[in-house]
Each structure stands twice: as C-alpha cells, then as structure tokens.
Amino acid sequence: MDPARFLPLTPVVFEIMLALAAGERHGYEIMQDVERRTDGRIVLHPGTLYRALSRLLDQGLIEEIDARPAADRDDERRRYYRVSALGRAVARAEVERLASQVSAARRAFRGDRA
C-alpha cells in the first residue's frame, strides 16, 4: 500500500506514531510521552487518544500486541500498541513531507531576517 495515501497525518496521529516509534506502549504511556516531549503543548485526553488509536488500528498503521511486560509492571486492563511496518513507512513519508515544507518555508522567508 502506498504510504502517501495516508498523508498528511494530523498532529495528534503524528505524535502518537512518534510515541510508539520508541517501542510498545499502553495508552497512558502514550499520553505521558506526548505531553513530556511537546513540553505540554499537546495534551491528549483519553477520548481523543482512544479514537485515534482505534482509527490507526483500522488502517493497519499500529498493532495491538499480546505480549505483556513483567508482572510487576503489568496491569491486565491495559492494551499495548506498536507501530506496524506500514505505519513506519507512513511516518517516514510524513517526516519527509514535513521536512520539505520546512525547507520551502526557509527559502521563502530567507530575506525576512530584519
């Protein structure tokens, strides 16, 4: 499947993909990672997060995994997610799209350093 078909990603979806790029996480870990990494500029509320996760699962961009962490870190109510191979290709395509936009913006505003 062509990764470009999923672009552009919404900021919420891109942040979730970034959180999962580091490894498997459950929903609360994703929310904490996004808030910490964005210095609080993006705070995911549970409804927003779980709607986005459901959509990403339906699209095949993330996967729910059955593996559980060590018993002392586990909570059986939690679901764990990871980025699928398609999701990684889509995230890389989004990074390239954003880099191209930033490059074009830098060229366009190069003379505005007054």
PDB file of N, CA and C in Angstrom:
ATOM      1  N   MET A   1       0.842  -1.182   0.000  1.00  0.00           N
ATOM      2  CA  MET A   1       0.000   0.000   0.000  1.00  0.00           C
ATOM      3  C   MET A   1       0.885   1.244   0.000  1.00  0.00           C
ATOM      4  N   ASP A   2       0.479   2.250  -0.725  1.00  0.00           N
ATOM      5  CA  ASP A   2       1.264   3.478  -0.850  1.00  0.00           C
ATOM      6  C   ASP A   2       1.141   4.316   0.425  1.00  0.00           C
ATOM      7  N   PRO A   3       2.255   4.567   1.133  1.00  0.00           N
ATOM      8  CA  PRO A   3       2.199   5.367   2.364  1.00  0.00           C
ATOM      9  C   PRO A   3       1.636   6.769   2.135  1.00  0.00           C
ATOM     10  N   ALA A   4       1.857   7.329   0.946  1.00  0.00           N
ATOM     11  CA  ALA A   4       1.384   8.690   0.657  1.00  0.00           C
ATOM     12  C   ALA A   4      -0.140   8.789   0.740  1.00  0.00           C
ATOM     13  N   ARG A   5      -0.803   7.650   0.593  1.00  0.00           N
ATOM     14  CA  ARG A   5      -2.267   7.642   0.667  1.00  0.00           C
ATOM     15  C   ARG A   5      -2.776   8.137   2.031  1.00  0.00           C
ATOM     16  N   PHE A   6      -1.961   8.010   3.077  1.00  0.00           N
ATOM     17  CA  PHE A   6      -2.377   8.367   4.436  1.00  0.00           C
ATOM     18  C   PHE A   6      -1.997   9.797   4.815  1.00  0.00           C
ATOM     19  N   LEU A   7      -1.296  10.497   3.949  1.00  0.00           N
ATOM     20  CA  LEU A   7      -0.771  11.827   4.270  1.00  0.00           C
ATOM     21  C   LEU A   7      -1.745  12.917   3.866  1.00  0.00           C
ATOM     22  N   PRO A   8      -1.681  14.044   4.542  1.00  0.00           N
ATOM     23  CA  PRO A   8      -0.876  14.344   5.724  1.00  0.00           C
ATOM     24  C   PRO A   8      -1.492  13.745   6.976  1.00  0.00           C
ATOM     25  N   LEU A   9      -0.636  13.448   7.940  1.00  0.00           N
ATOM     26  CA  LEU A   9      -1.114  12.970   9.225  1.00  0.00           C
ATOM     27  C   LEU A   9      -1.546  14.168  10.065  1.00  0.00           C
ATOM     28  N   THR A  10      -2.545  13.975  10.902  1.00  0.00           N
ATOM     29  CA  THR A  10      -2.909  15.047  11.839  1.00  0.00           C
ATOM     30  C   THR A  10      -1.807  15.142  12.888  1.00  0.00           C
ATOM     31  N   PRO A  11      -1.674  16.300  13.543  1.00  0.00           N
ATOM     32  CA  PRO A  11      -0.656  16.412  14.611  1.00  0.00           C
ATOM     33  C   PRO A  11      -0.839  15.355  15.696  1.00  0.00           C
ATOM     34  N   VAL A  12      -2.078  15.049  16.070  1.00  0.00           N
ATOM     35  CA  VAL A  12      -2.318  14.039  17.105  1.00  0.00           C
ATOM     36  C   VAL A  12      -1.826  12.672  16.644  1.00  0.00           C
ATOM     37  N   VAL A  13      -2.155  12.292  15.437  1.00  0.00           N
ATOM     38  CA  VAL A  13      -1.730  10.990  14.918  1.00  0.00           C
ATOM     39  C   VAL A  13      -0.210  10.931  14.810  1.00  0.00           C
ATOM     40  N   PHE A  14       0.407  12.001  14.323  1.00  0.00           N
ATOM     41  CA  PHE A  14       1.864  12.008  14.193  1.00  0.00           C
ATOM     42  C   PHE A  14       2.523  11.872  15.566  1.00  0.00           C
ATOM     43  N   GLU A  15       1.999  12.555  16.570  1.00  0.00           N
ATOM     44  CA  GLU A  15       2.563  12.455  17.923  1.00  0.00           C
ATOM     45  C   GLU A  15       2.407  11.036  18.484  1.00  0.00           C
ATOM     46  N   ILE A  16       1.285  10.408  18.224  1.00  0.00           N
ATOM     47  CA  ILE A  16       1.083   9.024  18.682  1.00  0.00           C
ATOM     48  C   ILE A  16       2.095   8.114  17.999  1.00  0.00           C
ATOM     49  N   MET A  17       2.286   8.308  16.708  1.00  0.00           N
ATOM     50  CA  MET A  17       3.254   7.481  15.974  1.00  0.00           C
ATOM     51  C   MET A  17       4.669   7.698  16.529  1.00  0.00           C
ATOM     52  N   LEU A  18       5.006   8.951  16.858  1.00  0.00           N
ATOM     53  CA  LEU A  18       6.318   9.221  17.448  1.00  0.00           C
ATOM     54  C   LEU A  18       6.465   8.530  18.802  1.00  0.00           C
ATOM     55  N   ALA A  19       5.419   8.561  19.600  1.00  0.00           N
ATOM     56  CA  ALA A  19       5.467   7.907  20.913  1.00  0.00           C
ATOM     57  C   ALA A  19       5.687   6.411  20.759  1.00  0.00           C
ATOM     58  N   LEU A  20       5.076   5.814  19.743  1.00  0.00           N
ATOM     59  CA  LEU A  20       5.199   4.365  19.547  1.00  0.00           C
ATOM     60  C   LEU A  20       6.464   3.980  18.788  1.00  0.00           C
ATOM     61  N   ALA A  21       7.133   4.945  18.193  1.00  0.00           N
ATOM     62  CA  ALA A  21       8.372   4.642  17.464  1.00  0.00           C
ATOM     63  C   ALA A  21       9.444   4.098  18.409  1.00  0.00           C
ATOM     64  N   ALA A  22       9.386   4.497  19.663  1.00  0.00           N
ATOM     65  CA  ALA A  22      10.392   4.052  20.631  1.00  0.00           C
ATOM     66  C   ALA A  22      10.122   2.647  21.145  1.00  0.00           C
ATOM     67  N   GLY A  23       8.939   2.103  20.895  1.00  0.00           N
ATOM     68  CA  GLY A  23       8.614   0.758  21.360  1.00  0.00           C
ATOM     69  C   GLY A  23       7.158   0.659  21.764  1.00  0.00           C
ATOM     70  N   GLU A  24       6.796  -0.524  22.238  1.00  0.00           N
ATOM     71  CA  GLU A  24       5.405  -0.759  22.620  1.00  0.00           C
ATOM     72  C   GLU A  24       5.045   0.078  23.836  1.00  0.00           C
ATOM     73  N   ARG A  25       3.820   0.589  23.814  1.00  0.00           N
ATOM     74  CA  ARG A  25       3.333   1.389  24.948  1.00  0.00           C
ATOM     75  C   ARG A  25       1.841   1.185  25.105  1.00  0.00           C
ATOM     76  N   HIS A  26       1.359   1.423  26.308  1.00  0.00           N
ATOM     77  CA  HIS A  26      -0.090   1.450  26.521  1.00  0.00           C
ATOM     78  C   HIS A  26      -0.557   2.901  26.459  1.00  0.00           C
ATOM     79  N   GLY A  27      -1.863   3.086  26.448  1.00  0.00           N
ATOM     80  CA  GLY A  27      -2.430   4.410  26.223  1.00  0.00           C
ATOM     81  C   GLY A  27      -1.920   5.485  27.161  1.00  0.00           C
ATOM     82  N   TYR A  28      -1.872   5.207  28.453  1.00  0.00           N
ATOM     83  CA  TYR A  28      -1.428   6.227  29.399  1.00  0.00           C
ATOM     84  C   TYR A  28       0.027   6.615  29.149  1.00  0.00           C
ATOM     85  N   GLU A  29       0.864   5.631  28.791  1.00  0.00           N
ATOM     86  CA  GLU A  29       2.266   5.946  28.467  1.00  0.00           C
ATOM     87  C   GLU A  29       2.348   6.849  27.233  1.00  0.00           C
ATOM     88  N   ILE A  30       1.488   6.600  26.269  1.00  0.00           N
ATOM     89  CA  ILE A  30       1.468   7.446  25.067  1.00  0.00           C
ATOM     90  C   ILE A  30       1.116   8.879  25.453  1.00  0.00           C
ATOM     91  N   MET A  31       0.077   9.040  26.268  1.00  0.00           N
ATOM     92  CA  MET A  31      -0.331  10.390  26.680  1.00  0.00           C
ATOM     93  C   MET A  31       0.800  11.097  27.415  1.00  0.00           C
ATOM     94  N   GLN A  32       1.475  10.390  28.334  1.00  0.00           N
ATOM     95  CA  GLN A  32       2.578  10.987  29.083  1.00  0.00           C
ATOM     96  C   GLN A  32       3.733  11.360  28.169  1.00  0.00           C
ATOM     97  N   ASP A  33       4.078  10.482  27.231  1.00  0.00           N
ATOM     98  CA  ASP A  33       5.195  10.734  26.324  1.00  0.00           C
ATOM     99  C   ASP A  33       4.923  11.970  25.472  1.00  0.00           C
ATOM    100  N   VAL A  34       3.728  12.068  24.919  1.00  0.00           N
ATOM    101  CA  VAL A  34       3.390  13.209  24.057  1.00  0.00           C
ATOM    102  C   VAL A  34       3.453  14.507  24.861  1.00  0.00           C
ATOM    103  N   GLU A  35       2.866  14.512  26.035  1.00  0.00           N
ATOM    104  CA  GLU A  35       2.868  15.732  26.851  1.00  0.00           C
ATOM    105  C   GLU A  35       4.292  16.143  27.223  1.00  0.00           C
ATOM    106  N   ARG A  36       5.118  15.173  27.617  1.00  0.00           N
ATOM    107  CA  ARG A  36       6.503  15.465  28.006  1.00  0.00           C
ATOM    108  C   ARG A  36       7.321  15.941  26.805  1.00  0.00           C
ATOM    109  N   ARG A  37       7.196  15.249  25.687  1.00  0.00           N
ATOM    110  CA  ARG A  37       8.010  15.581  24.509  1.00  0.00           C
ATOM    111  C   ARG A  37       7.631  16.925  23.913  1.00  0.00           C
ATOM    112  N   THR A  38       6.361  17.337  24.057  1.00  0.00           N
ATOM    113  CA  THR A  38       5.916  18.608  23.488  1.00  0.00           C
ATOM    114  C   THR A  38       5.893  19.711  24.538  1.00  0.00           C
ATOM    115  N   ASP A  39       6.506  19.464  25.692  1.00  0.00           N
ATOM    116  CA  ASP A  39       6.515  20.438  26.794  1.00  0.00           C
ATOM    117  C   ASP A  39       5.106  20.937  27.119  1.00  0.00           C
ATOM    118  N   GLY A  40       4.154  20.044  27.064  1.00  0.00           N
ATOM    119  CA  GLY A  40       2.783  20.363  27.424  1.00  0.00           C
ATOM    120  C   GLY A  40       1.971  21.078  26.359  1.00  0.00           C
ATOM    121  N   ARG A  41       2.552  21.303  25.191  1.00  0.00           N
ATOM    122  CA  ARG A  41       1.797  21.976  24.118  1.00  0.00           C
ATOM    123  C   ARG A  41       0.688  21.079  23.585  1.00  0.00           C
ATOM    124  N   ILE A  42       0.901  19.774  23.612  1.00  0.00           N
ATOM    125  CA  ILE A  42      -0.134  18.830  23.185  1.00  0.00           C
ATOM    126  C   ILE A  42      -0.441  17.908  24.356  1.00  0.00           C
ATOM    127  N   VAL A  43      -1.666  17.987  24.815  1.00  0.00           N
ATOM    128  CA  VAL A  43      -2.146  17.116  25.894  1.00  0.00           C
ATOM    129  C   VAL A  43      -3.270  16.273  25.300  1.00  0.00           C
ATOM    130  N   LEU A  44      -3.037  14.979  25.246  1.00  0.00           N
ATOM    131  CA  LEU A  44      -4.048  14.071  24.697  1.00  0.00           C
ATOM    132  C   LEU A  44      -5.009  13.666  25.807  1.00  0.00           C
ATOM    133  N   HIS A  45      -6.274  13.898  25.578  1.00  0.00           N
ATOM    134  CA  HIS A  45      -7.294  13.443  26.519  1.00  0.00           C
ATOM    135  C   HIS A  45      -7.700  12.028  26.102  1.00  0.00           C
ATOM    136  N   PRO A  46      -8.174  11.229  27.046  1.00  0.00           N
ATOM    137  CA  PRO A  46      -8.468   9.826  26.724  1.00  0.00           C
ATOM    138  C   PRO A  46      -9.373   9.639  25.516  1.00  0.00           C
ATOM    139  N   GLY A  47     -10.425  10.420  25.391  1.00  0.00           N
ATOM    140  CA  GLY A  47     -11.331  10.261  24.246  1.00  0.00           C
ATOM    141  C   GLY A  47     -10.624  10.471  22.921  1.00  0.00           C
ATOM    142  N   THR A  48      -9.803  11.512  22.869  1.00  0.00           N
ATOM    143  CA  THR A  48      -9.047  11.813  21.647  1.00  0.00           C
ATOM    144  C   THR A  48      -8.063  10.692  21.349  1.00  0.00           C
ATOM    145  N   LEU A  49      -7.338  10.260  22.376  1.00  0.00           N
ATOM    146  CA  LEU A  49      -6.331   9.214  22.191  1.00  0.00           C
ATOM    147  C   LEU A  49      -6.973   7.923  21.695  1.00  0.00           C
ATOM    148  N   TYR A  50      -8.019   7.476  22.355  1.00  0.00           N
ATOM    149  CA  TYR A  50      -8.560   6.158  22.010  1.00  0.00           C
ATOM    150  C   TYR A  50      -9.325   6.161  20.686  1.00  0.00           C
ATOM    151  N   ARG A  51      -9.908   7.306  20.317  1.00  0.00           N
ATOM    152  CA  ARG A  51     -10.496   7.398  18.960  1.00  0.00           C
ATOM    153  C   ARG A  51      -9.395   7.300  17.917  1.00  0.00           C
ATOM    154  N   ALA A  52      -8.277   8.003  18.154  1.00  0.00           N
ATOM    155  CA  ALA A  52      -7.159   7.960  17.201  1.00  0.00           C
ATOM    156  C   ALA A  52      -6.557   6.560  17.139  1.00  0.00           C
ATOM    157  N   LEU A  53      -6.388   5.910  18.299  1.00  0.00           N
ATOM    158  CA  LEU A  53      -5.832   4.553  18.305  1.00  0.00           C
ATOM    159  C   LEU A  53      -6.744   3.589  17.544  1.00  0.00           C
ATOM    160  N   SER A  54      -8.050   3.736  17.726  1.00  0.00           N
ATOM    161  CA  SER A  54      -8.999   2.868  17.016  1.00  0.00           C
ATOM    162  C   SER A  54      -8.872   3.056  15.506  1.00  0.00           C
ATOM    163  N   ARG A  55      -8.769   4.314  15.080  1.00  0.00           N
ATOM    164  CA  ARG A  55      -8.631   4.597  13.646  1.00  0.00           C
ATOM    165  C   ARG A  55      -7.304   4.045  13.106  1.00  0.00           C
ATOM    166  N   LEU A  56      -6.217   4.210  13.876  1.00  0.00           N
ATOM    167  CA  LEU A  56      -4.906   3.708  13.448  1.00  0.00           C
ATOM    168  C   LEU A  56      -4.903   2.182  13.356  1.00  0.00           C
ATOM    169  N   LEU A  57      -5.603   1.525  14.281  1.00  0.00           N
ATOM    170  CA  LEU A  57      -5.728   0.064  14.214  1.00  0.00           C
ATOM    171  C   LEU A  57      -6.496  -0.348  12.962  1.00  0.00           C
ATOM    172  N   ASP A  58      -7.611   0.335  12.692  1.00  0.00           N
ATOM    173  CA  ASP A  58      -8.416   0.023  11.499  1.00  0.00           C
ATOM    174  C   ASP A  58      -7.630   0.199  10.210  1.00  0.00           C
ATOM    175  N   GLN A  59      -6.752   1.208  10.188  1.00  0.00           N
ATOM    176  CA  GLN A  59      -5.951   1.488   8.991  1.00  0.00           C
ATOM    177  C   GLN A  59      -4.719   0.597   8.886  1.00  0.00           C
ATOM    178  N   GLY A  60      -4.426  -0.155   9.943  1.00  0.00           N
ATOM    179  CA  GLY A  60      -3.259  -1.031   9.930  1.00  0.00           C
ATOM    180  C   GLY A  60      -1.946  -0.306  10.182  1.00  0.00           C
ATOM    181  N   LEU A  61      -2.015   0.917  10.736  1.00  0.00           N
ATOM    182  CA  LEU A  61      -0.789   1.681  10.985  1.00  0.00           C
ATOM    183  C   LEU A  61      -0.165   1.330  12.337  1.00  0.00           C
ATOM    184  N   ILE A  62      -0.969   0.811  13.245  1.00  0.00           N
ATOM    185  CA  ILE A  62      -0.460   0.292  14.511  1.00  0.00           C
ATOM    186  C   ILE A  62      -1.085  -1.078  14.742  1.00  0.00           C
ATOM    187  N   GLU A  63      -0.500  -1.806  15.691  1.00  0.00           N
ATOM    188  CA  GLU A  63      -0.988  -3.141  16.035  1.00  0.00           C
ATOM    189  C   GLU A  63      -1.136  -3.236  17.544  1.00  0.00           C
ATOM    190  N   GLU A  64      -2.148  -3.937  17.979  1.00  0.00           N
ATOM    191  CA  GLU A  64      -2.261  -4.255  19.389  1.00  0.00           C
ATOM    192  C   GLU A  64      -1.485  -5.544  19.608  1.00  0.00           C
ATOM    193  N   ILE A  65      -0.701  -5.602  20.653  1.00  0.00           N
ATOM    194  CA  ILE A  65       0.139  -6.772  20.873  1.00  0.00           C
ATOM    195  C   ILE A  65      -0.349  -7.553  22.096  1.00  0.00           C
ATOM    196  N   ASP A  66      -0.064  -8.832  22.086  1.00  0.00           N
ATOM    197  CA  ASP A  66      -0.464  -9.708  23.176  1.00  0.00           C
ATOM    198  C   ASP A  66       0.612  -9.818  24.254  1.00  0.00           C
ATOM    199  N   ALA A  67       1.857  -9.500  23.898  1.00  0.00           N
ATOM    200  CA  ALA A  67       2.955  -9.631  24.859  1.00  0.00           C
ATOM    201  C   ALA A  67       2.695  -8.714  26.049  1.00  0.00           C
ATOM    202  N   ARG A  68       3.032  -9.182  27.218  1.00  0.00           N
ATOM    203  CA  ARG A  68       2.815  -8.427  28.445  1.00  0.00           C
ATOM    204  C   ARG A  68       4.157  -8.131  29.091  1.00  0.00           C
ATOM    205  N   PRO A  69       4.278  -6.987  29.752  1.00  0.00           N
ATOM    206  CA  PRO A  69       5.528  -6.703  30.465  1.00  0.00           C
ATOM    207  C   PRO A  69       5.648  -7.586  31.706  1.00  0.00           C
ATOM    208  N   ALA A  70       6.742  -7.445  32.404  1.00  0.00           N
ATOM    209  CA  ALA A  70       6.944  -8.205  33.641  1.00  0.00           C
ATOM    210  C   ALA A  70       5.771  -7.962  34.583  1.00  0.00           C
ATOM    211  N   ALA A  71       5.457  -8.973  35.372  1.00  0.00           N
ATOM    212  CA  ALA A  71       4.272  -8.919  36.234  1.00  0.00           C
ATOM    213  C   ALA A  71       4.251  -7.689  37.139  1.00  0.00           C
ATOM    214  N   ASP A  72       5.418  -7.234  37.592  1.00  0.00           N
ATOM    215  CA  ASP A  72       5.449  -6.077  38.492  1.00  0.00           C
ATOM    216  C   ASP A  72       5.140  -4.768  37.765  1.00  0.00           C
ATOM    217  N   ARG A  73       5.200  -4.759  36.434  1.00  0.00           N
ATOM    218  CA  ARG A  73       4.893  -3.559  35.646  1.00  0.00           C
ATOM    219  C   ARG A  73       3.553  -3.683  34.928  1.00  0.00           C
ATOM    220  N   ASP A  74       2.925  -4.837  35.003  1.00  0.00           N
ATOM    221  CA  ASP A  74       1.746  -5.100  34.192  1.00  0.00           C
ATOM    222  C   ASP A  74       0.465  -4.722  34.927  1.00  0.00           C
ATOM    223  N   ASP A  75      -0.523  -4.360  34.133  1.00  0.00           N
ATOM    224  CA  ASP A  75      -1.890  -4.154  34.593  1.00  0.00           C
ATOM    225  C   ASP A  75      -2.740  -4.787  33.504  1.00  0.00           C
ATOM    226  N   GLU A  76      -3.449  -5.858  33.835  1.00  0.00           N
ATOM    227  CA  GLU A  76      -4.152  -6.622  32.801  1.00  0.00           C
ATOM    228  C   GLU A  76      -5.225  -5.822  32.073  1.00  0.00           C
ATOM    229  N   ARG A  77      -5.619  -4.670  32.609  1.00  0.00           N
ATOM    230  CA  ARG A  77      -6.615  -3.829  31.927  1.00  0.00           C
ATOM    231  C   ARG A  77      -6.001  -3.062  30.757  1.00  0.00           C
ATOM    232  N   ARG A  78      -4.694  -2.972  30.725  1.00  0.00           N
ATOM    233  CA  ARG A  78      -4.035  -2.162  29.692  1.00  0.00           C
ATOM    234  C   ARG A  78      -3.886  -2.930  28.395  1.00  0.00           C
ATOM    235  N   ARG A  79      -3.973  -2.184  27.328  1.00  0.00           N
ATOM    236  CA  ARG A  79      -3.700  -2.717  25.996  1.00  0.00           C
ATOM    237  C   ARG A  79      -2.408  -2.066  25.512  1.00  0.00           C
ATOM    238  N   TYR A  80      -1.586  -2.859  24.864  1.00  0.00           N
ATOM    239  CA  TYR A  80      -0.295  -2.369  24.381  1.00  0.00           C
ATOM    240  C   TYR A  80      -0.309  -2.301  22.859  1.00  0.00           C
ATOM    241  N   TYR A  81       0.331  -1.257  22.345  1.00  0.00           N
ATOM    242  CA  TYR A  81       0.332  -0.995  20.904  1.00  0.00           C
ATOM    243  C   TYR A  81       1.762  -0.824  20.412  1.00  0.00           C
ATOM    244  N   ARG A  82       1.941  -1.085  19.107  1.00  0.00           N
ATOM    245  CA  ARG A  82       3.215  -0.803  18.459  1.00  0.00           C
ATOM    246  C   ARG A  82       2.935  -0.369  17.031  1.00  0.00           C
ATOM    247  N   VAL A  83       3.926   0.270  16.413  1.00  0.00           N
ATOM    248  CA  VAL A  83       3.798   0.722  15.032  1.00  0.00           C
ATOM    249  C   VAL A  83       3.986  -0.481  14.121  1.00  0.00           C
ATOM    250  N   SER A  84       3.127  -0.623  13.127  1.00  0.00           N
ATOM    251  CA  SER A  84       3.257  -1.709  12.137  1.00  0.00           C
ATOM    252  C   SER A  84       4.300  -1.309  11.088  1.00  0.00           C
ATOM    253  N   ALA A  85       4.650  -2.239  10.232  1.00  0.00           N
ATOM    254  CA  ALA A  85       5.583  -1.926   9.140  1.00  0.00           C
ATOM    255  C   ALA A  85       4.992  -0.836   8.238  1.00  0.00           C
ATOM    256  N   LEU A  86       3.697  -0.935   7.932  1.00  0.00           N
ATOM    257  CA  LEU A  86       3.053   0.121   7.138  1.00  0.00           C
ATOM    258  C   LEU A  86       3.086   1.449   7.893  1.00  0.00           C
ATOM    259  N   GLY A  87       2.838   1.405   9.192  1.00  0.00           N
ATOM    260  CA  GLY A  87       2.869   2.630   9.993  1.00  0.00           C
ATOM    261  C   GLY A  87       4.229   3.299   9.963  1.00  0.00           C
ATOM    262  N   ARG A  88       5.302   2.489  10.021  1.00  0.00           N
ATOM    263  CA  ARG A  88       6.653   3.071   9.946  1.00  0.00           C
ATOM    264  C   ARG A  88       6.883   3.729   8.589  1.00  0.00           C
ATOM    265  N   ALA A  89       6.417   3.103   7.533  1.00  0.00           N
ATOM    266  CA  ALA A  89       6.576   3.690   6.193  1.00  0.00           C
ATOM    267  C   ALA A  89       5.780   4.993   6.090  1.00  0.00           C
ATOM    268  N   VAL A  90       4.594   5.022   6.661  1.00  0.00           N
ATOM    269  CA  VAL A  90       3.774   6.238   6.625  1.00  0.00           C
ATOM    270  C   VAL A  90       4.432   7.343   7.462  1.00  0.00           C
ATOM    271  N   ALA A  91       4.935   7.004   8.643  1.00  0.00           N
ATOM    272  CA  ALA A  91       5.594   8.004   9.487  1.00  0.00           C
ATOM    273  C   ALA A  91       6.834   8.566   8.792  1.00  0.00           C
ATOM    274  N   ARG A  92       7.613   7.698   8.137  1.00  0.00           N
ATOM    275  CA  ARG A  92       8.794   8.191   7.405  1.00  0.00           C
ATOM    276  C   ARG A  92       8.375   9.118   6.259  1.00  0.00           C
ATOM    277  N   ALA A  93       7.306   8.772   5.568  1.00  0.00           N
ATOM    278  CA  ALA A  93       6.810   9.622   4.483  1.00  0.00           C
ATOM    279  C   ALA A  93       6.344  10.977   5.028  1.00  0.00           C
ATOM    280  N   GLU A  94       5.721  10.959   6.211  1.00  0.00           N
ATOM    281  CA  GLU A  94       5.284  12.227   6.826  1.00  0.00           C
ATOM    282  C   GLU A  94       6.491  13.078   7.225  1.00  0.00           C
ATOM    283  N   VAL A  95       7.525  12.449   7.749  1.00  0.00           N
ATOM    284  CA  VAL A  95       8.744  13.186   8.104  1.00  0.00           C
ATOM    285  C   VAL A  95       9.317  13.857   6.855  1.00  0.00           C
ATOM    286  N   GLU A  96       9.370  13.137   5.752  1.00  0.00           N
ATOM    287  CA  GLU A  96       9.891  13.713   4.502  1.00  0.00           C
ATOM    288  C   GLU A  96       9.004  14.852   4.018  1.00  0.00           C
ATOM    289  N   ARG A  97       7.681  14.685   4.123  1.00  0.00           N
ATOM    290  CA  ARG A  97       6.757  15.745   3.704  1.00  0.00           C
ATOM    291  C   ARG A  97       6.966  17.002   4.547  1.00  0.00           C
ATOM    292  N   LEU A  98       7.062  16.827   5.870  1.00  0.00           N
ATOM    293  CA  LEU A  98       7.256  17.972   6.757  1.00  0.00           C
ATOM    294  C   LEU A  98       8.613  18.635   6.517  1.00  0.00           C
ATOM    295  N   ALA A  99       9.657  17.840   6.310  1.00  0.00           N
ATOM    296  CA  ALA A  99      10.986  18.394   6.044  1.00  0.00           C
ATOM    297  C   ALA A  99      10.969  19.227   4.763  1.00  0.00           C
ATOM    298  N   SER A 100      10.244  18.754   3.760  1.00  0.00           N
ATOM    299  CA  SER A 100      10.137  19.503   2.509  1.00  0.00           C
ATOM    300  C   SER A 100       9.424  20.831   2.741  1.00  0.00           C
ATOM    301  N   GLN A 101       8.378  20.819   3.549  1.00  0.00           N
ATOM    302  CA  GLN A 101       7.655  22.058   3.860  1.00  0.00           C
ATOM    303  C   GLN A 101       8.548  23.045   4.616  1.00  0.00           C
ATOM    304  N   VAL A 102       9.302  22.553   5.580  1.00  0.00           N
ATOM    305  CA  VAL A 102      10.190  23.423   6.357  1.00  0.00           C
ATOM    306  C   VAL A 102      11.260  24.010   5.445  1.00  0.00           C
ATOM    307  N   SER A 103      11.795  23.190   4.569  1.00  0.00           N
ATOM    308  CA  SER A 103      12.819  23.674   3.635  1.00  0.00           C
ATOM    309  C   SER A 103      12.259  24.772   2.733  1.00  0.00           C
ATOM    310  N   ALA A 104      11.050  24.556   2.223  1.00  0.00           N
ATOM    311  CA  ALA A 104      10.420  25.569   1.361  1.00  0.00           C
ATOM    312  C   ALA A 104      10.142  26.846   2.144  1.00  0.00           C
ATOM    313  N   ALA A 105       9.713  26.711   3.382  1.00  0.00           N
ATOM    314  CA  ALA A 105       9.430  27.894   4.204  1.00  0.00           C
ATOM    315  C   ALA A 105      10.713  28.670   4.492  1.00  0.00           C
ATOM    316  N   ARG A 106      11.799  27.958   4.742  1.00  0.00           N
ATOM    317  CA  ARG A 106      13.071  28.642   4.998  1.00  0.00           C
ATOM    318  C   ARG A 106      13.518  29.420   3.766  1.00  0.00           C
ATOM    319  N   ARG A 107      13.364  28.803   2.593  1.00  0.00           N
ATOM    320  CA  ARG A 107      13.739  29.508   1.360  1.00  0.00           C
ATOM    321  C   ARG A 107      12.852  30.725   1.155  1.00  0.00           C
ATOM    322  N   ALA A 108      11.560  30.581   1.400  1.00  0.00           N
ATOM    323  CA  ALA A 108      10.606  31.665   1.164  1.00  0.00           C
ATOM    324  C   ALA A 108      10.833  32.847   2.099  1.00  0.00           C
ATOM    325  N   PHE A 109      11.245  32.578   3.332  1.00  0.00           N
ATOM    326  CA  PHE A 109      11.378  33.650   4.321  1.00  0.00           C
ATOM    327  C   PHE A 109      12.828  34.011   4.613  1.00  0.00           C
ATOM    328  N   ARG A 110      13.736  33.540   3.777  1.00  0.00           N
ATOM    329  CA  ARG A 110      15.162  33.783   3.993  1.00  0.00           C
ATOM    330  C   ARG A 110      15.469  35.276   4.110  1.00  0.00           C
ATOM    331  N   GLY A 111      14.818  36.093   3.350  1.00  0.00           N
ATOM    332  CA  GLY A 111      15.112  37.534   3.360  1.00  0.00           C
ATOM    333  C   GLY A 111      14.393  38.297   4.450  1.00  0.00           C
ATOM    334  N   ASP A 112      13.646  37.602   5.316  1.00  0.00           N
ATOM    335  CA  ASP A 112      12.856  38.283   6.353  1.00  0.00           C
ATOM    336  C   ASP A 112      13.586  38.428   7.675  1.00  0.00           C
ATOM    337  N   ARG A 113      14.909  38.405   7.689  1.00  0.00           N
ATOM    338  CA  ARG A 113      15.651  38.462   8.966  1.00  0.00           C
ATOM    339  C   ARG A 113      15.967  39.886   9.381  1.00  0.00           C
ATOM    340  N   ALA A 114      15.065  40.767   9.315  1.00  0.00           N
ATOM    341  CA  ALA A 114      15.320  42.163   9.665  1.00  0.00           C
ATOM    342  C   ALA A 114      15.335  42.385  11.153  1.00  0.00           C
TER     343      ALA A 114
END
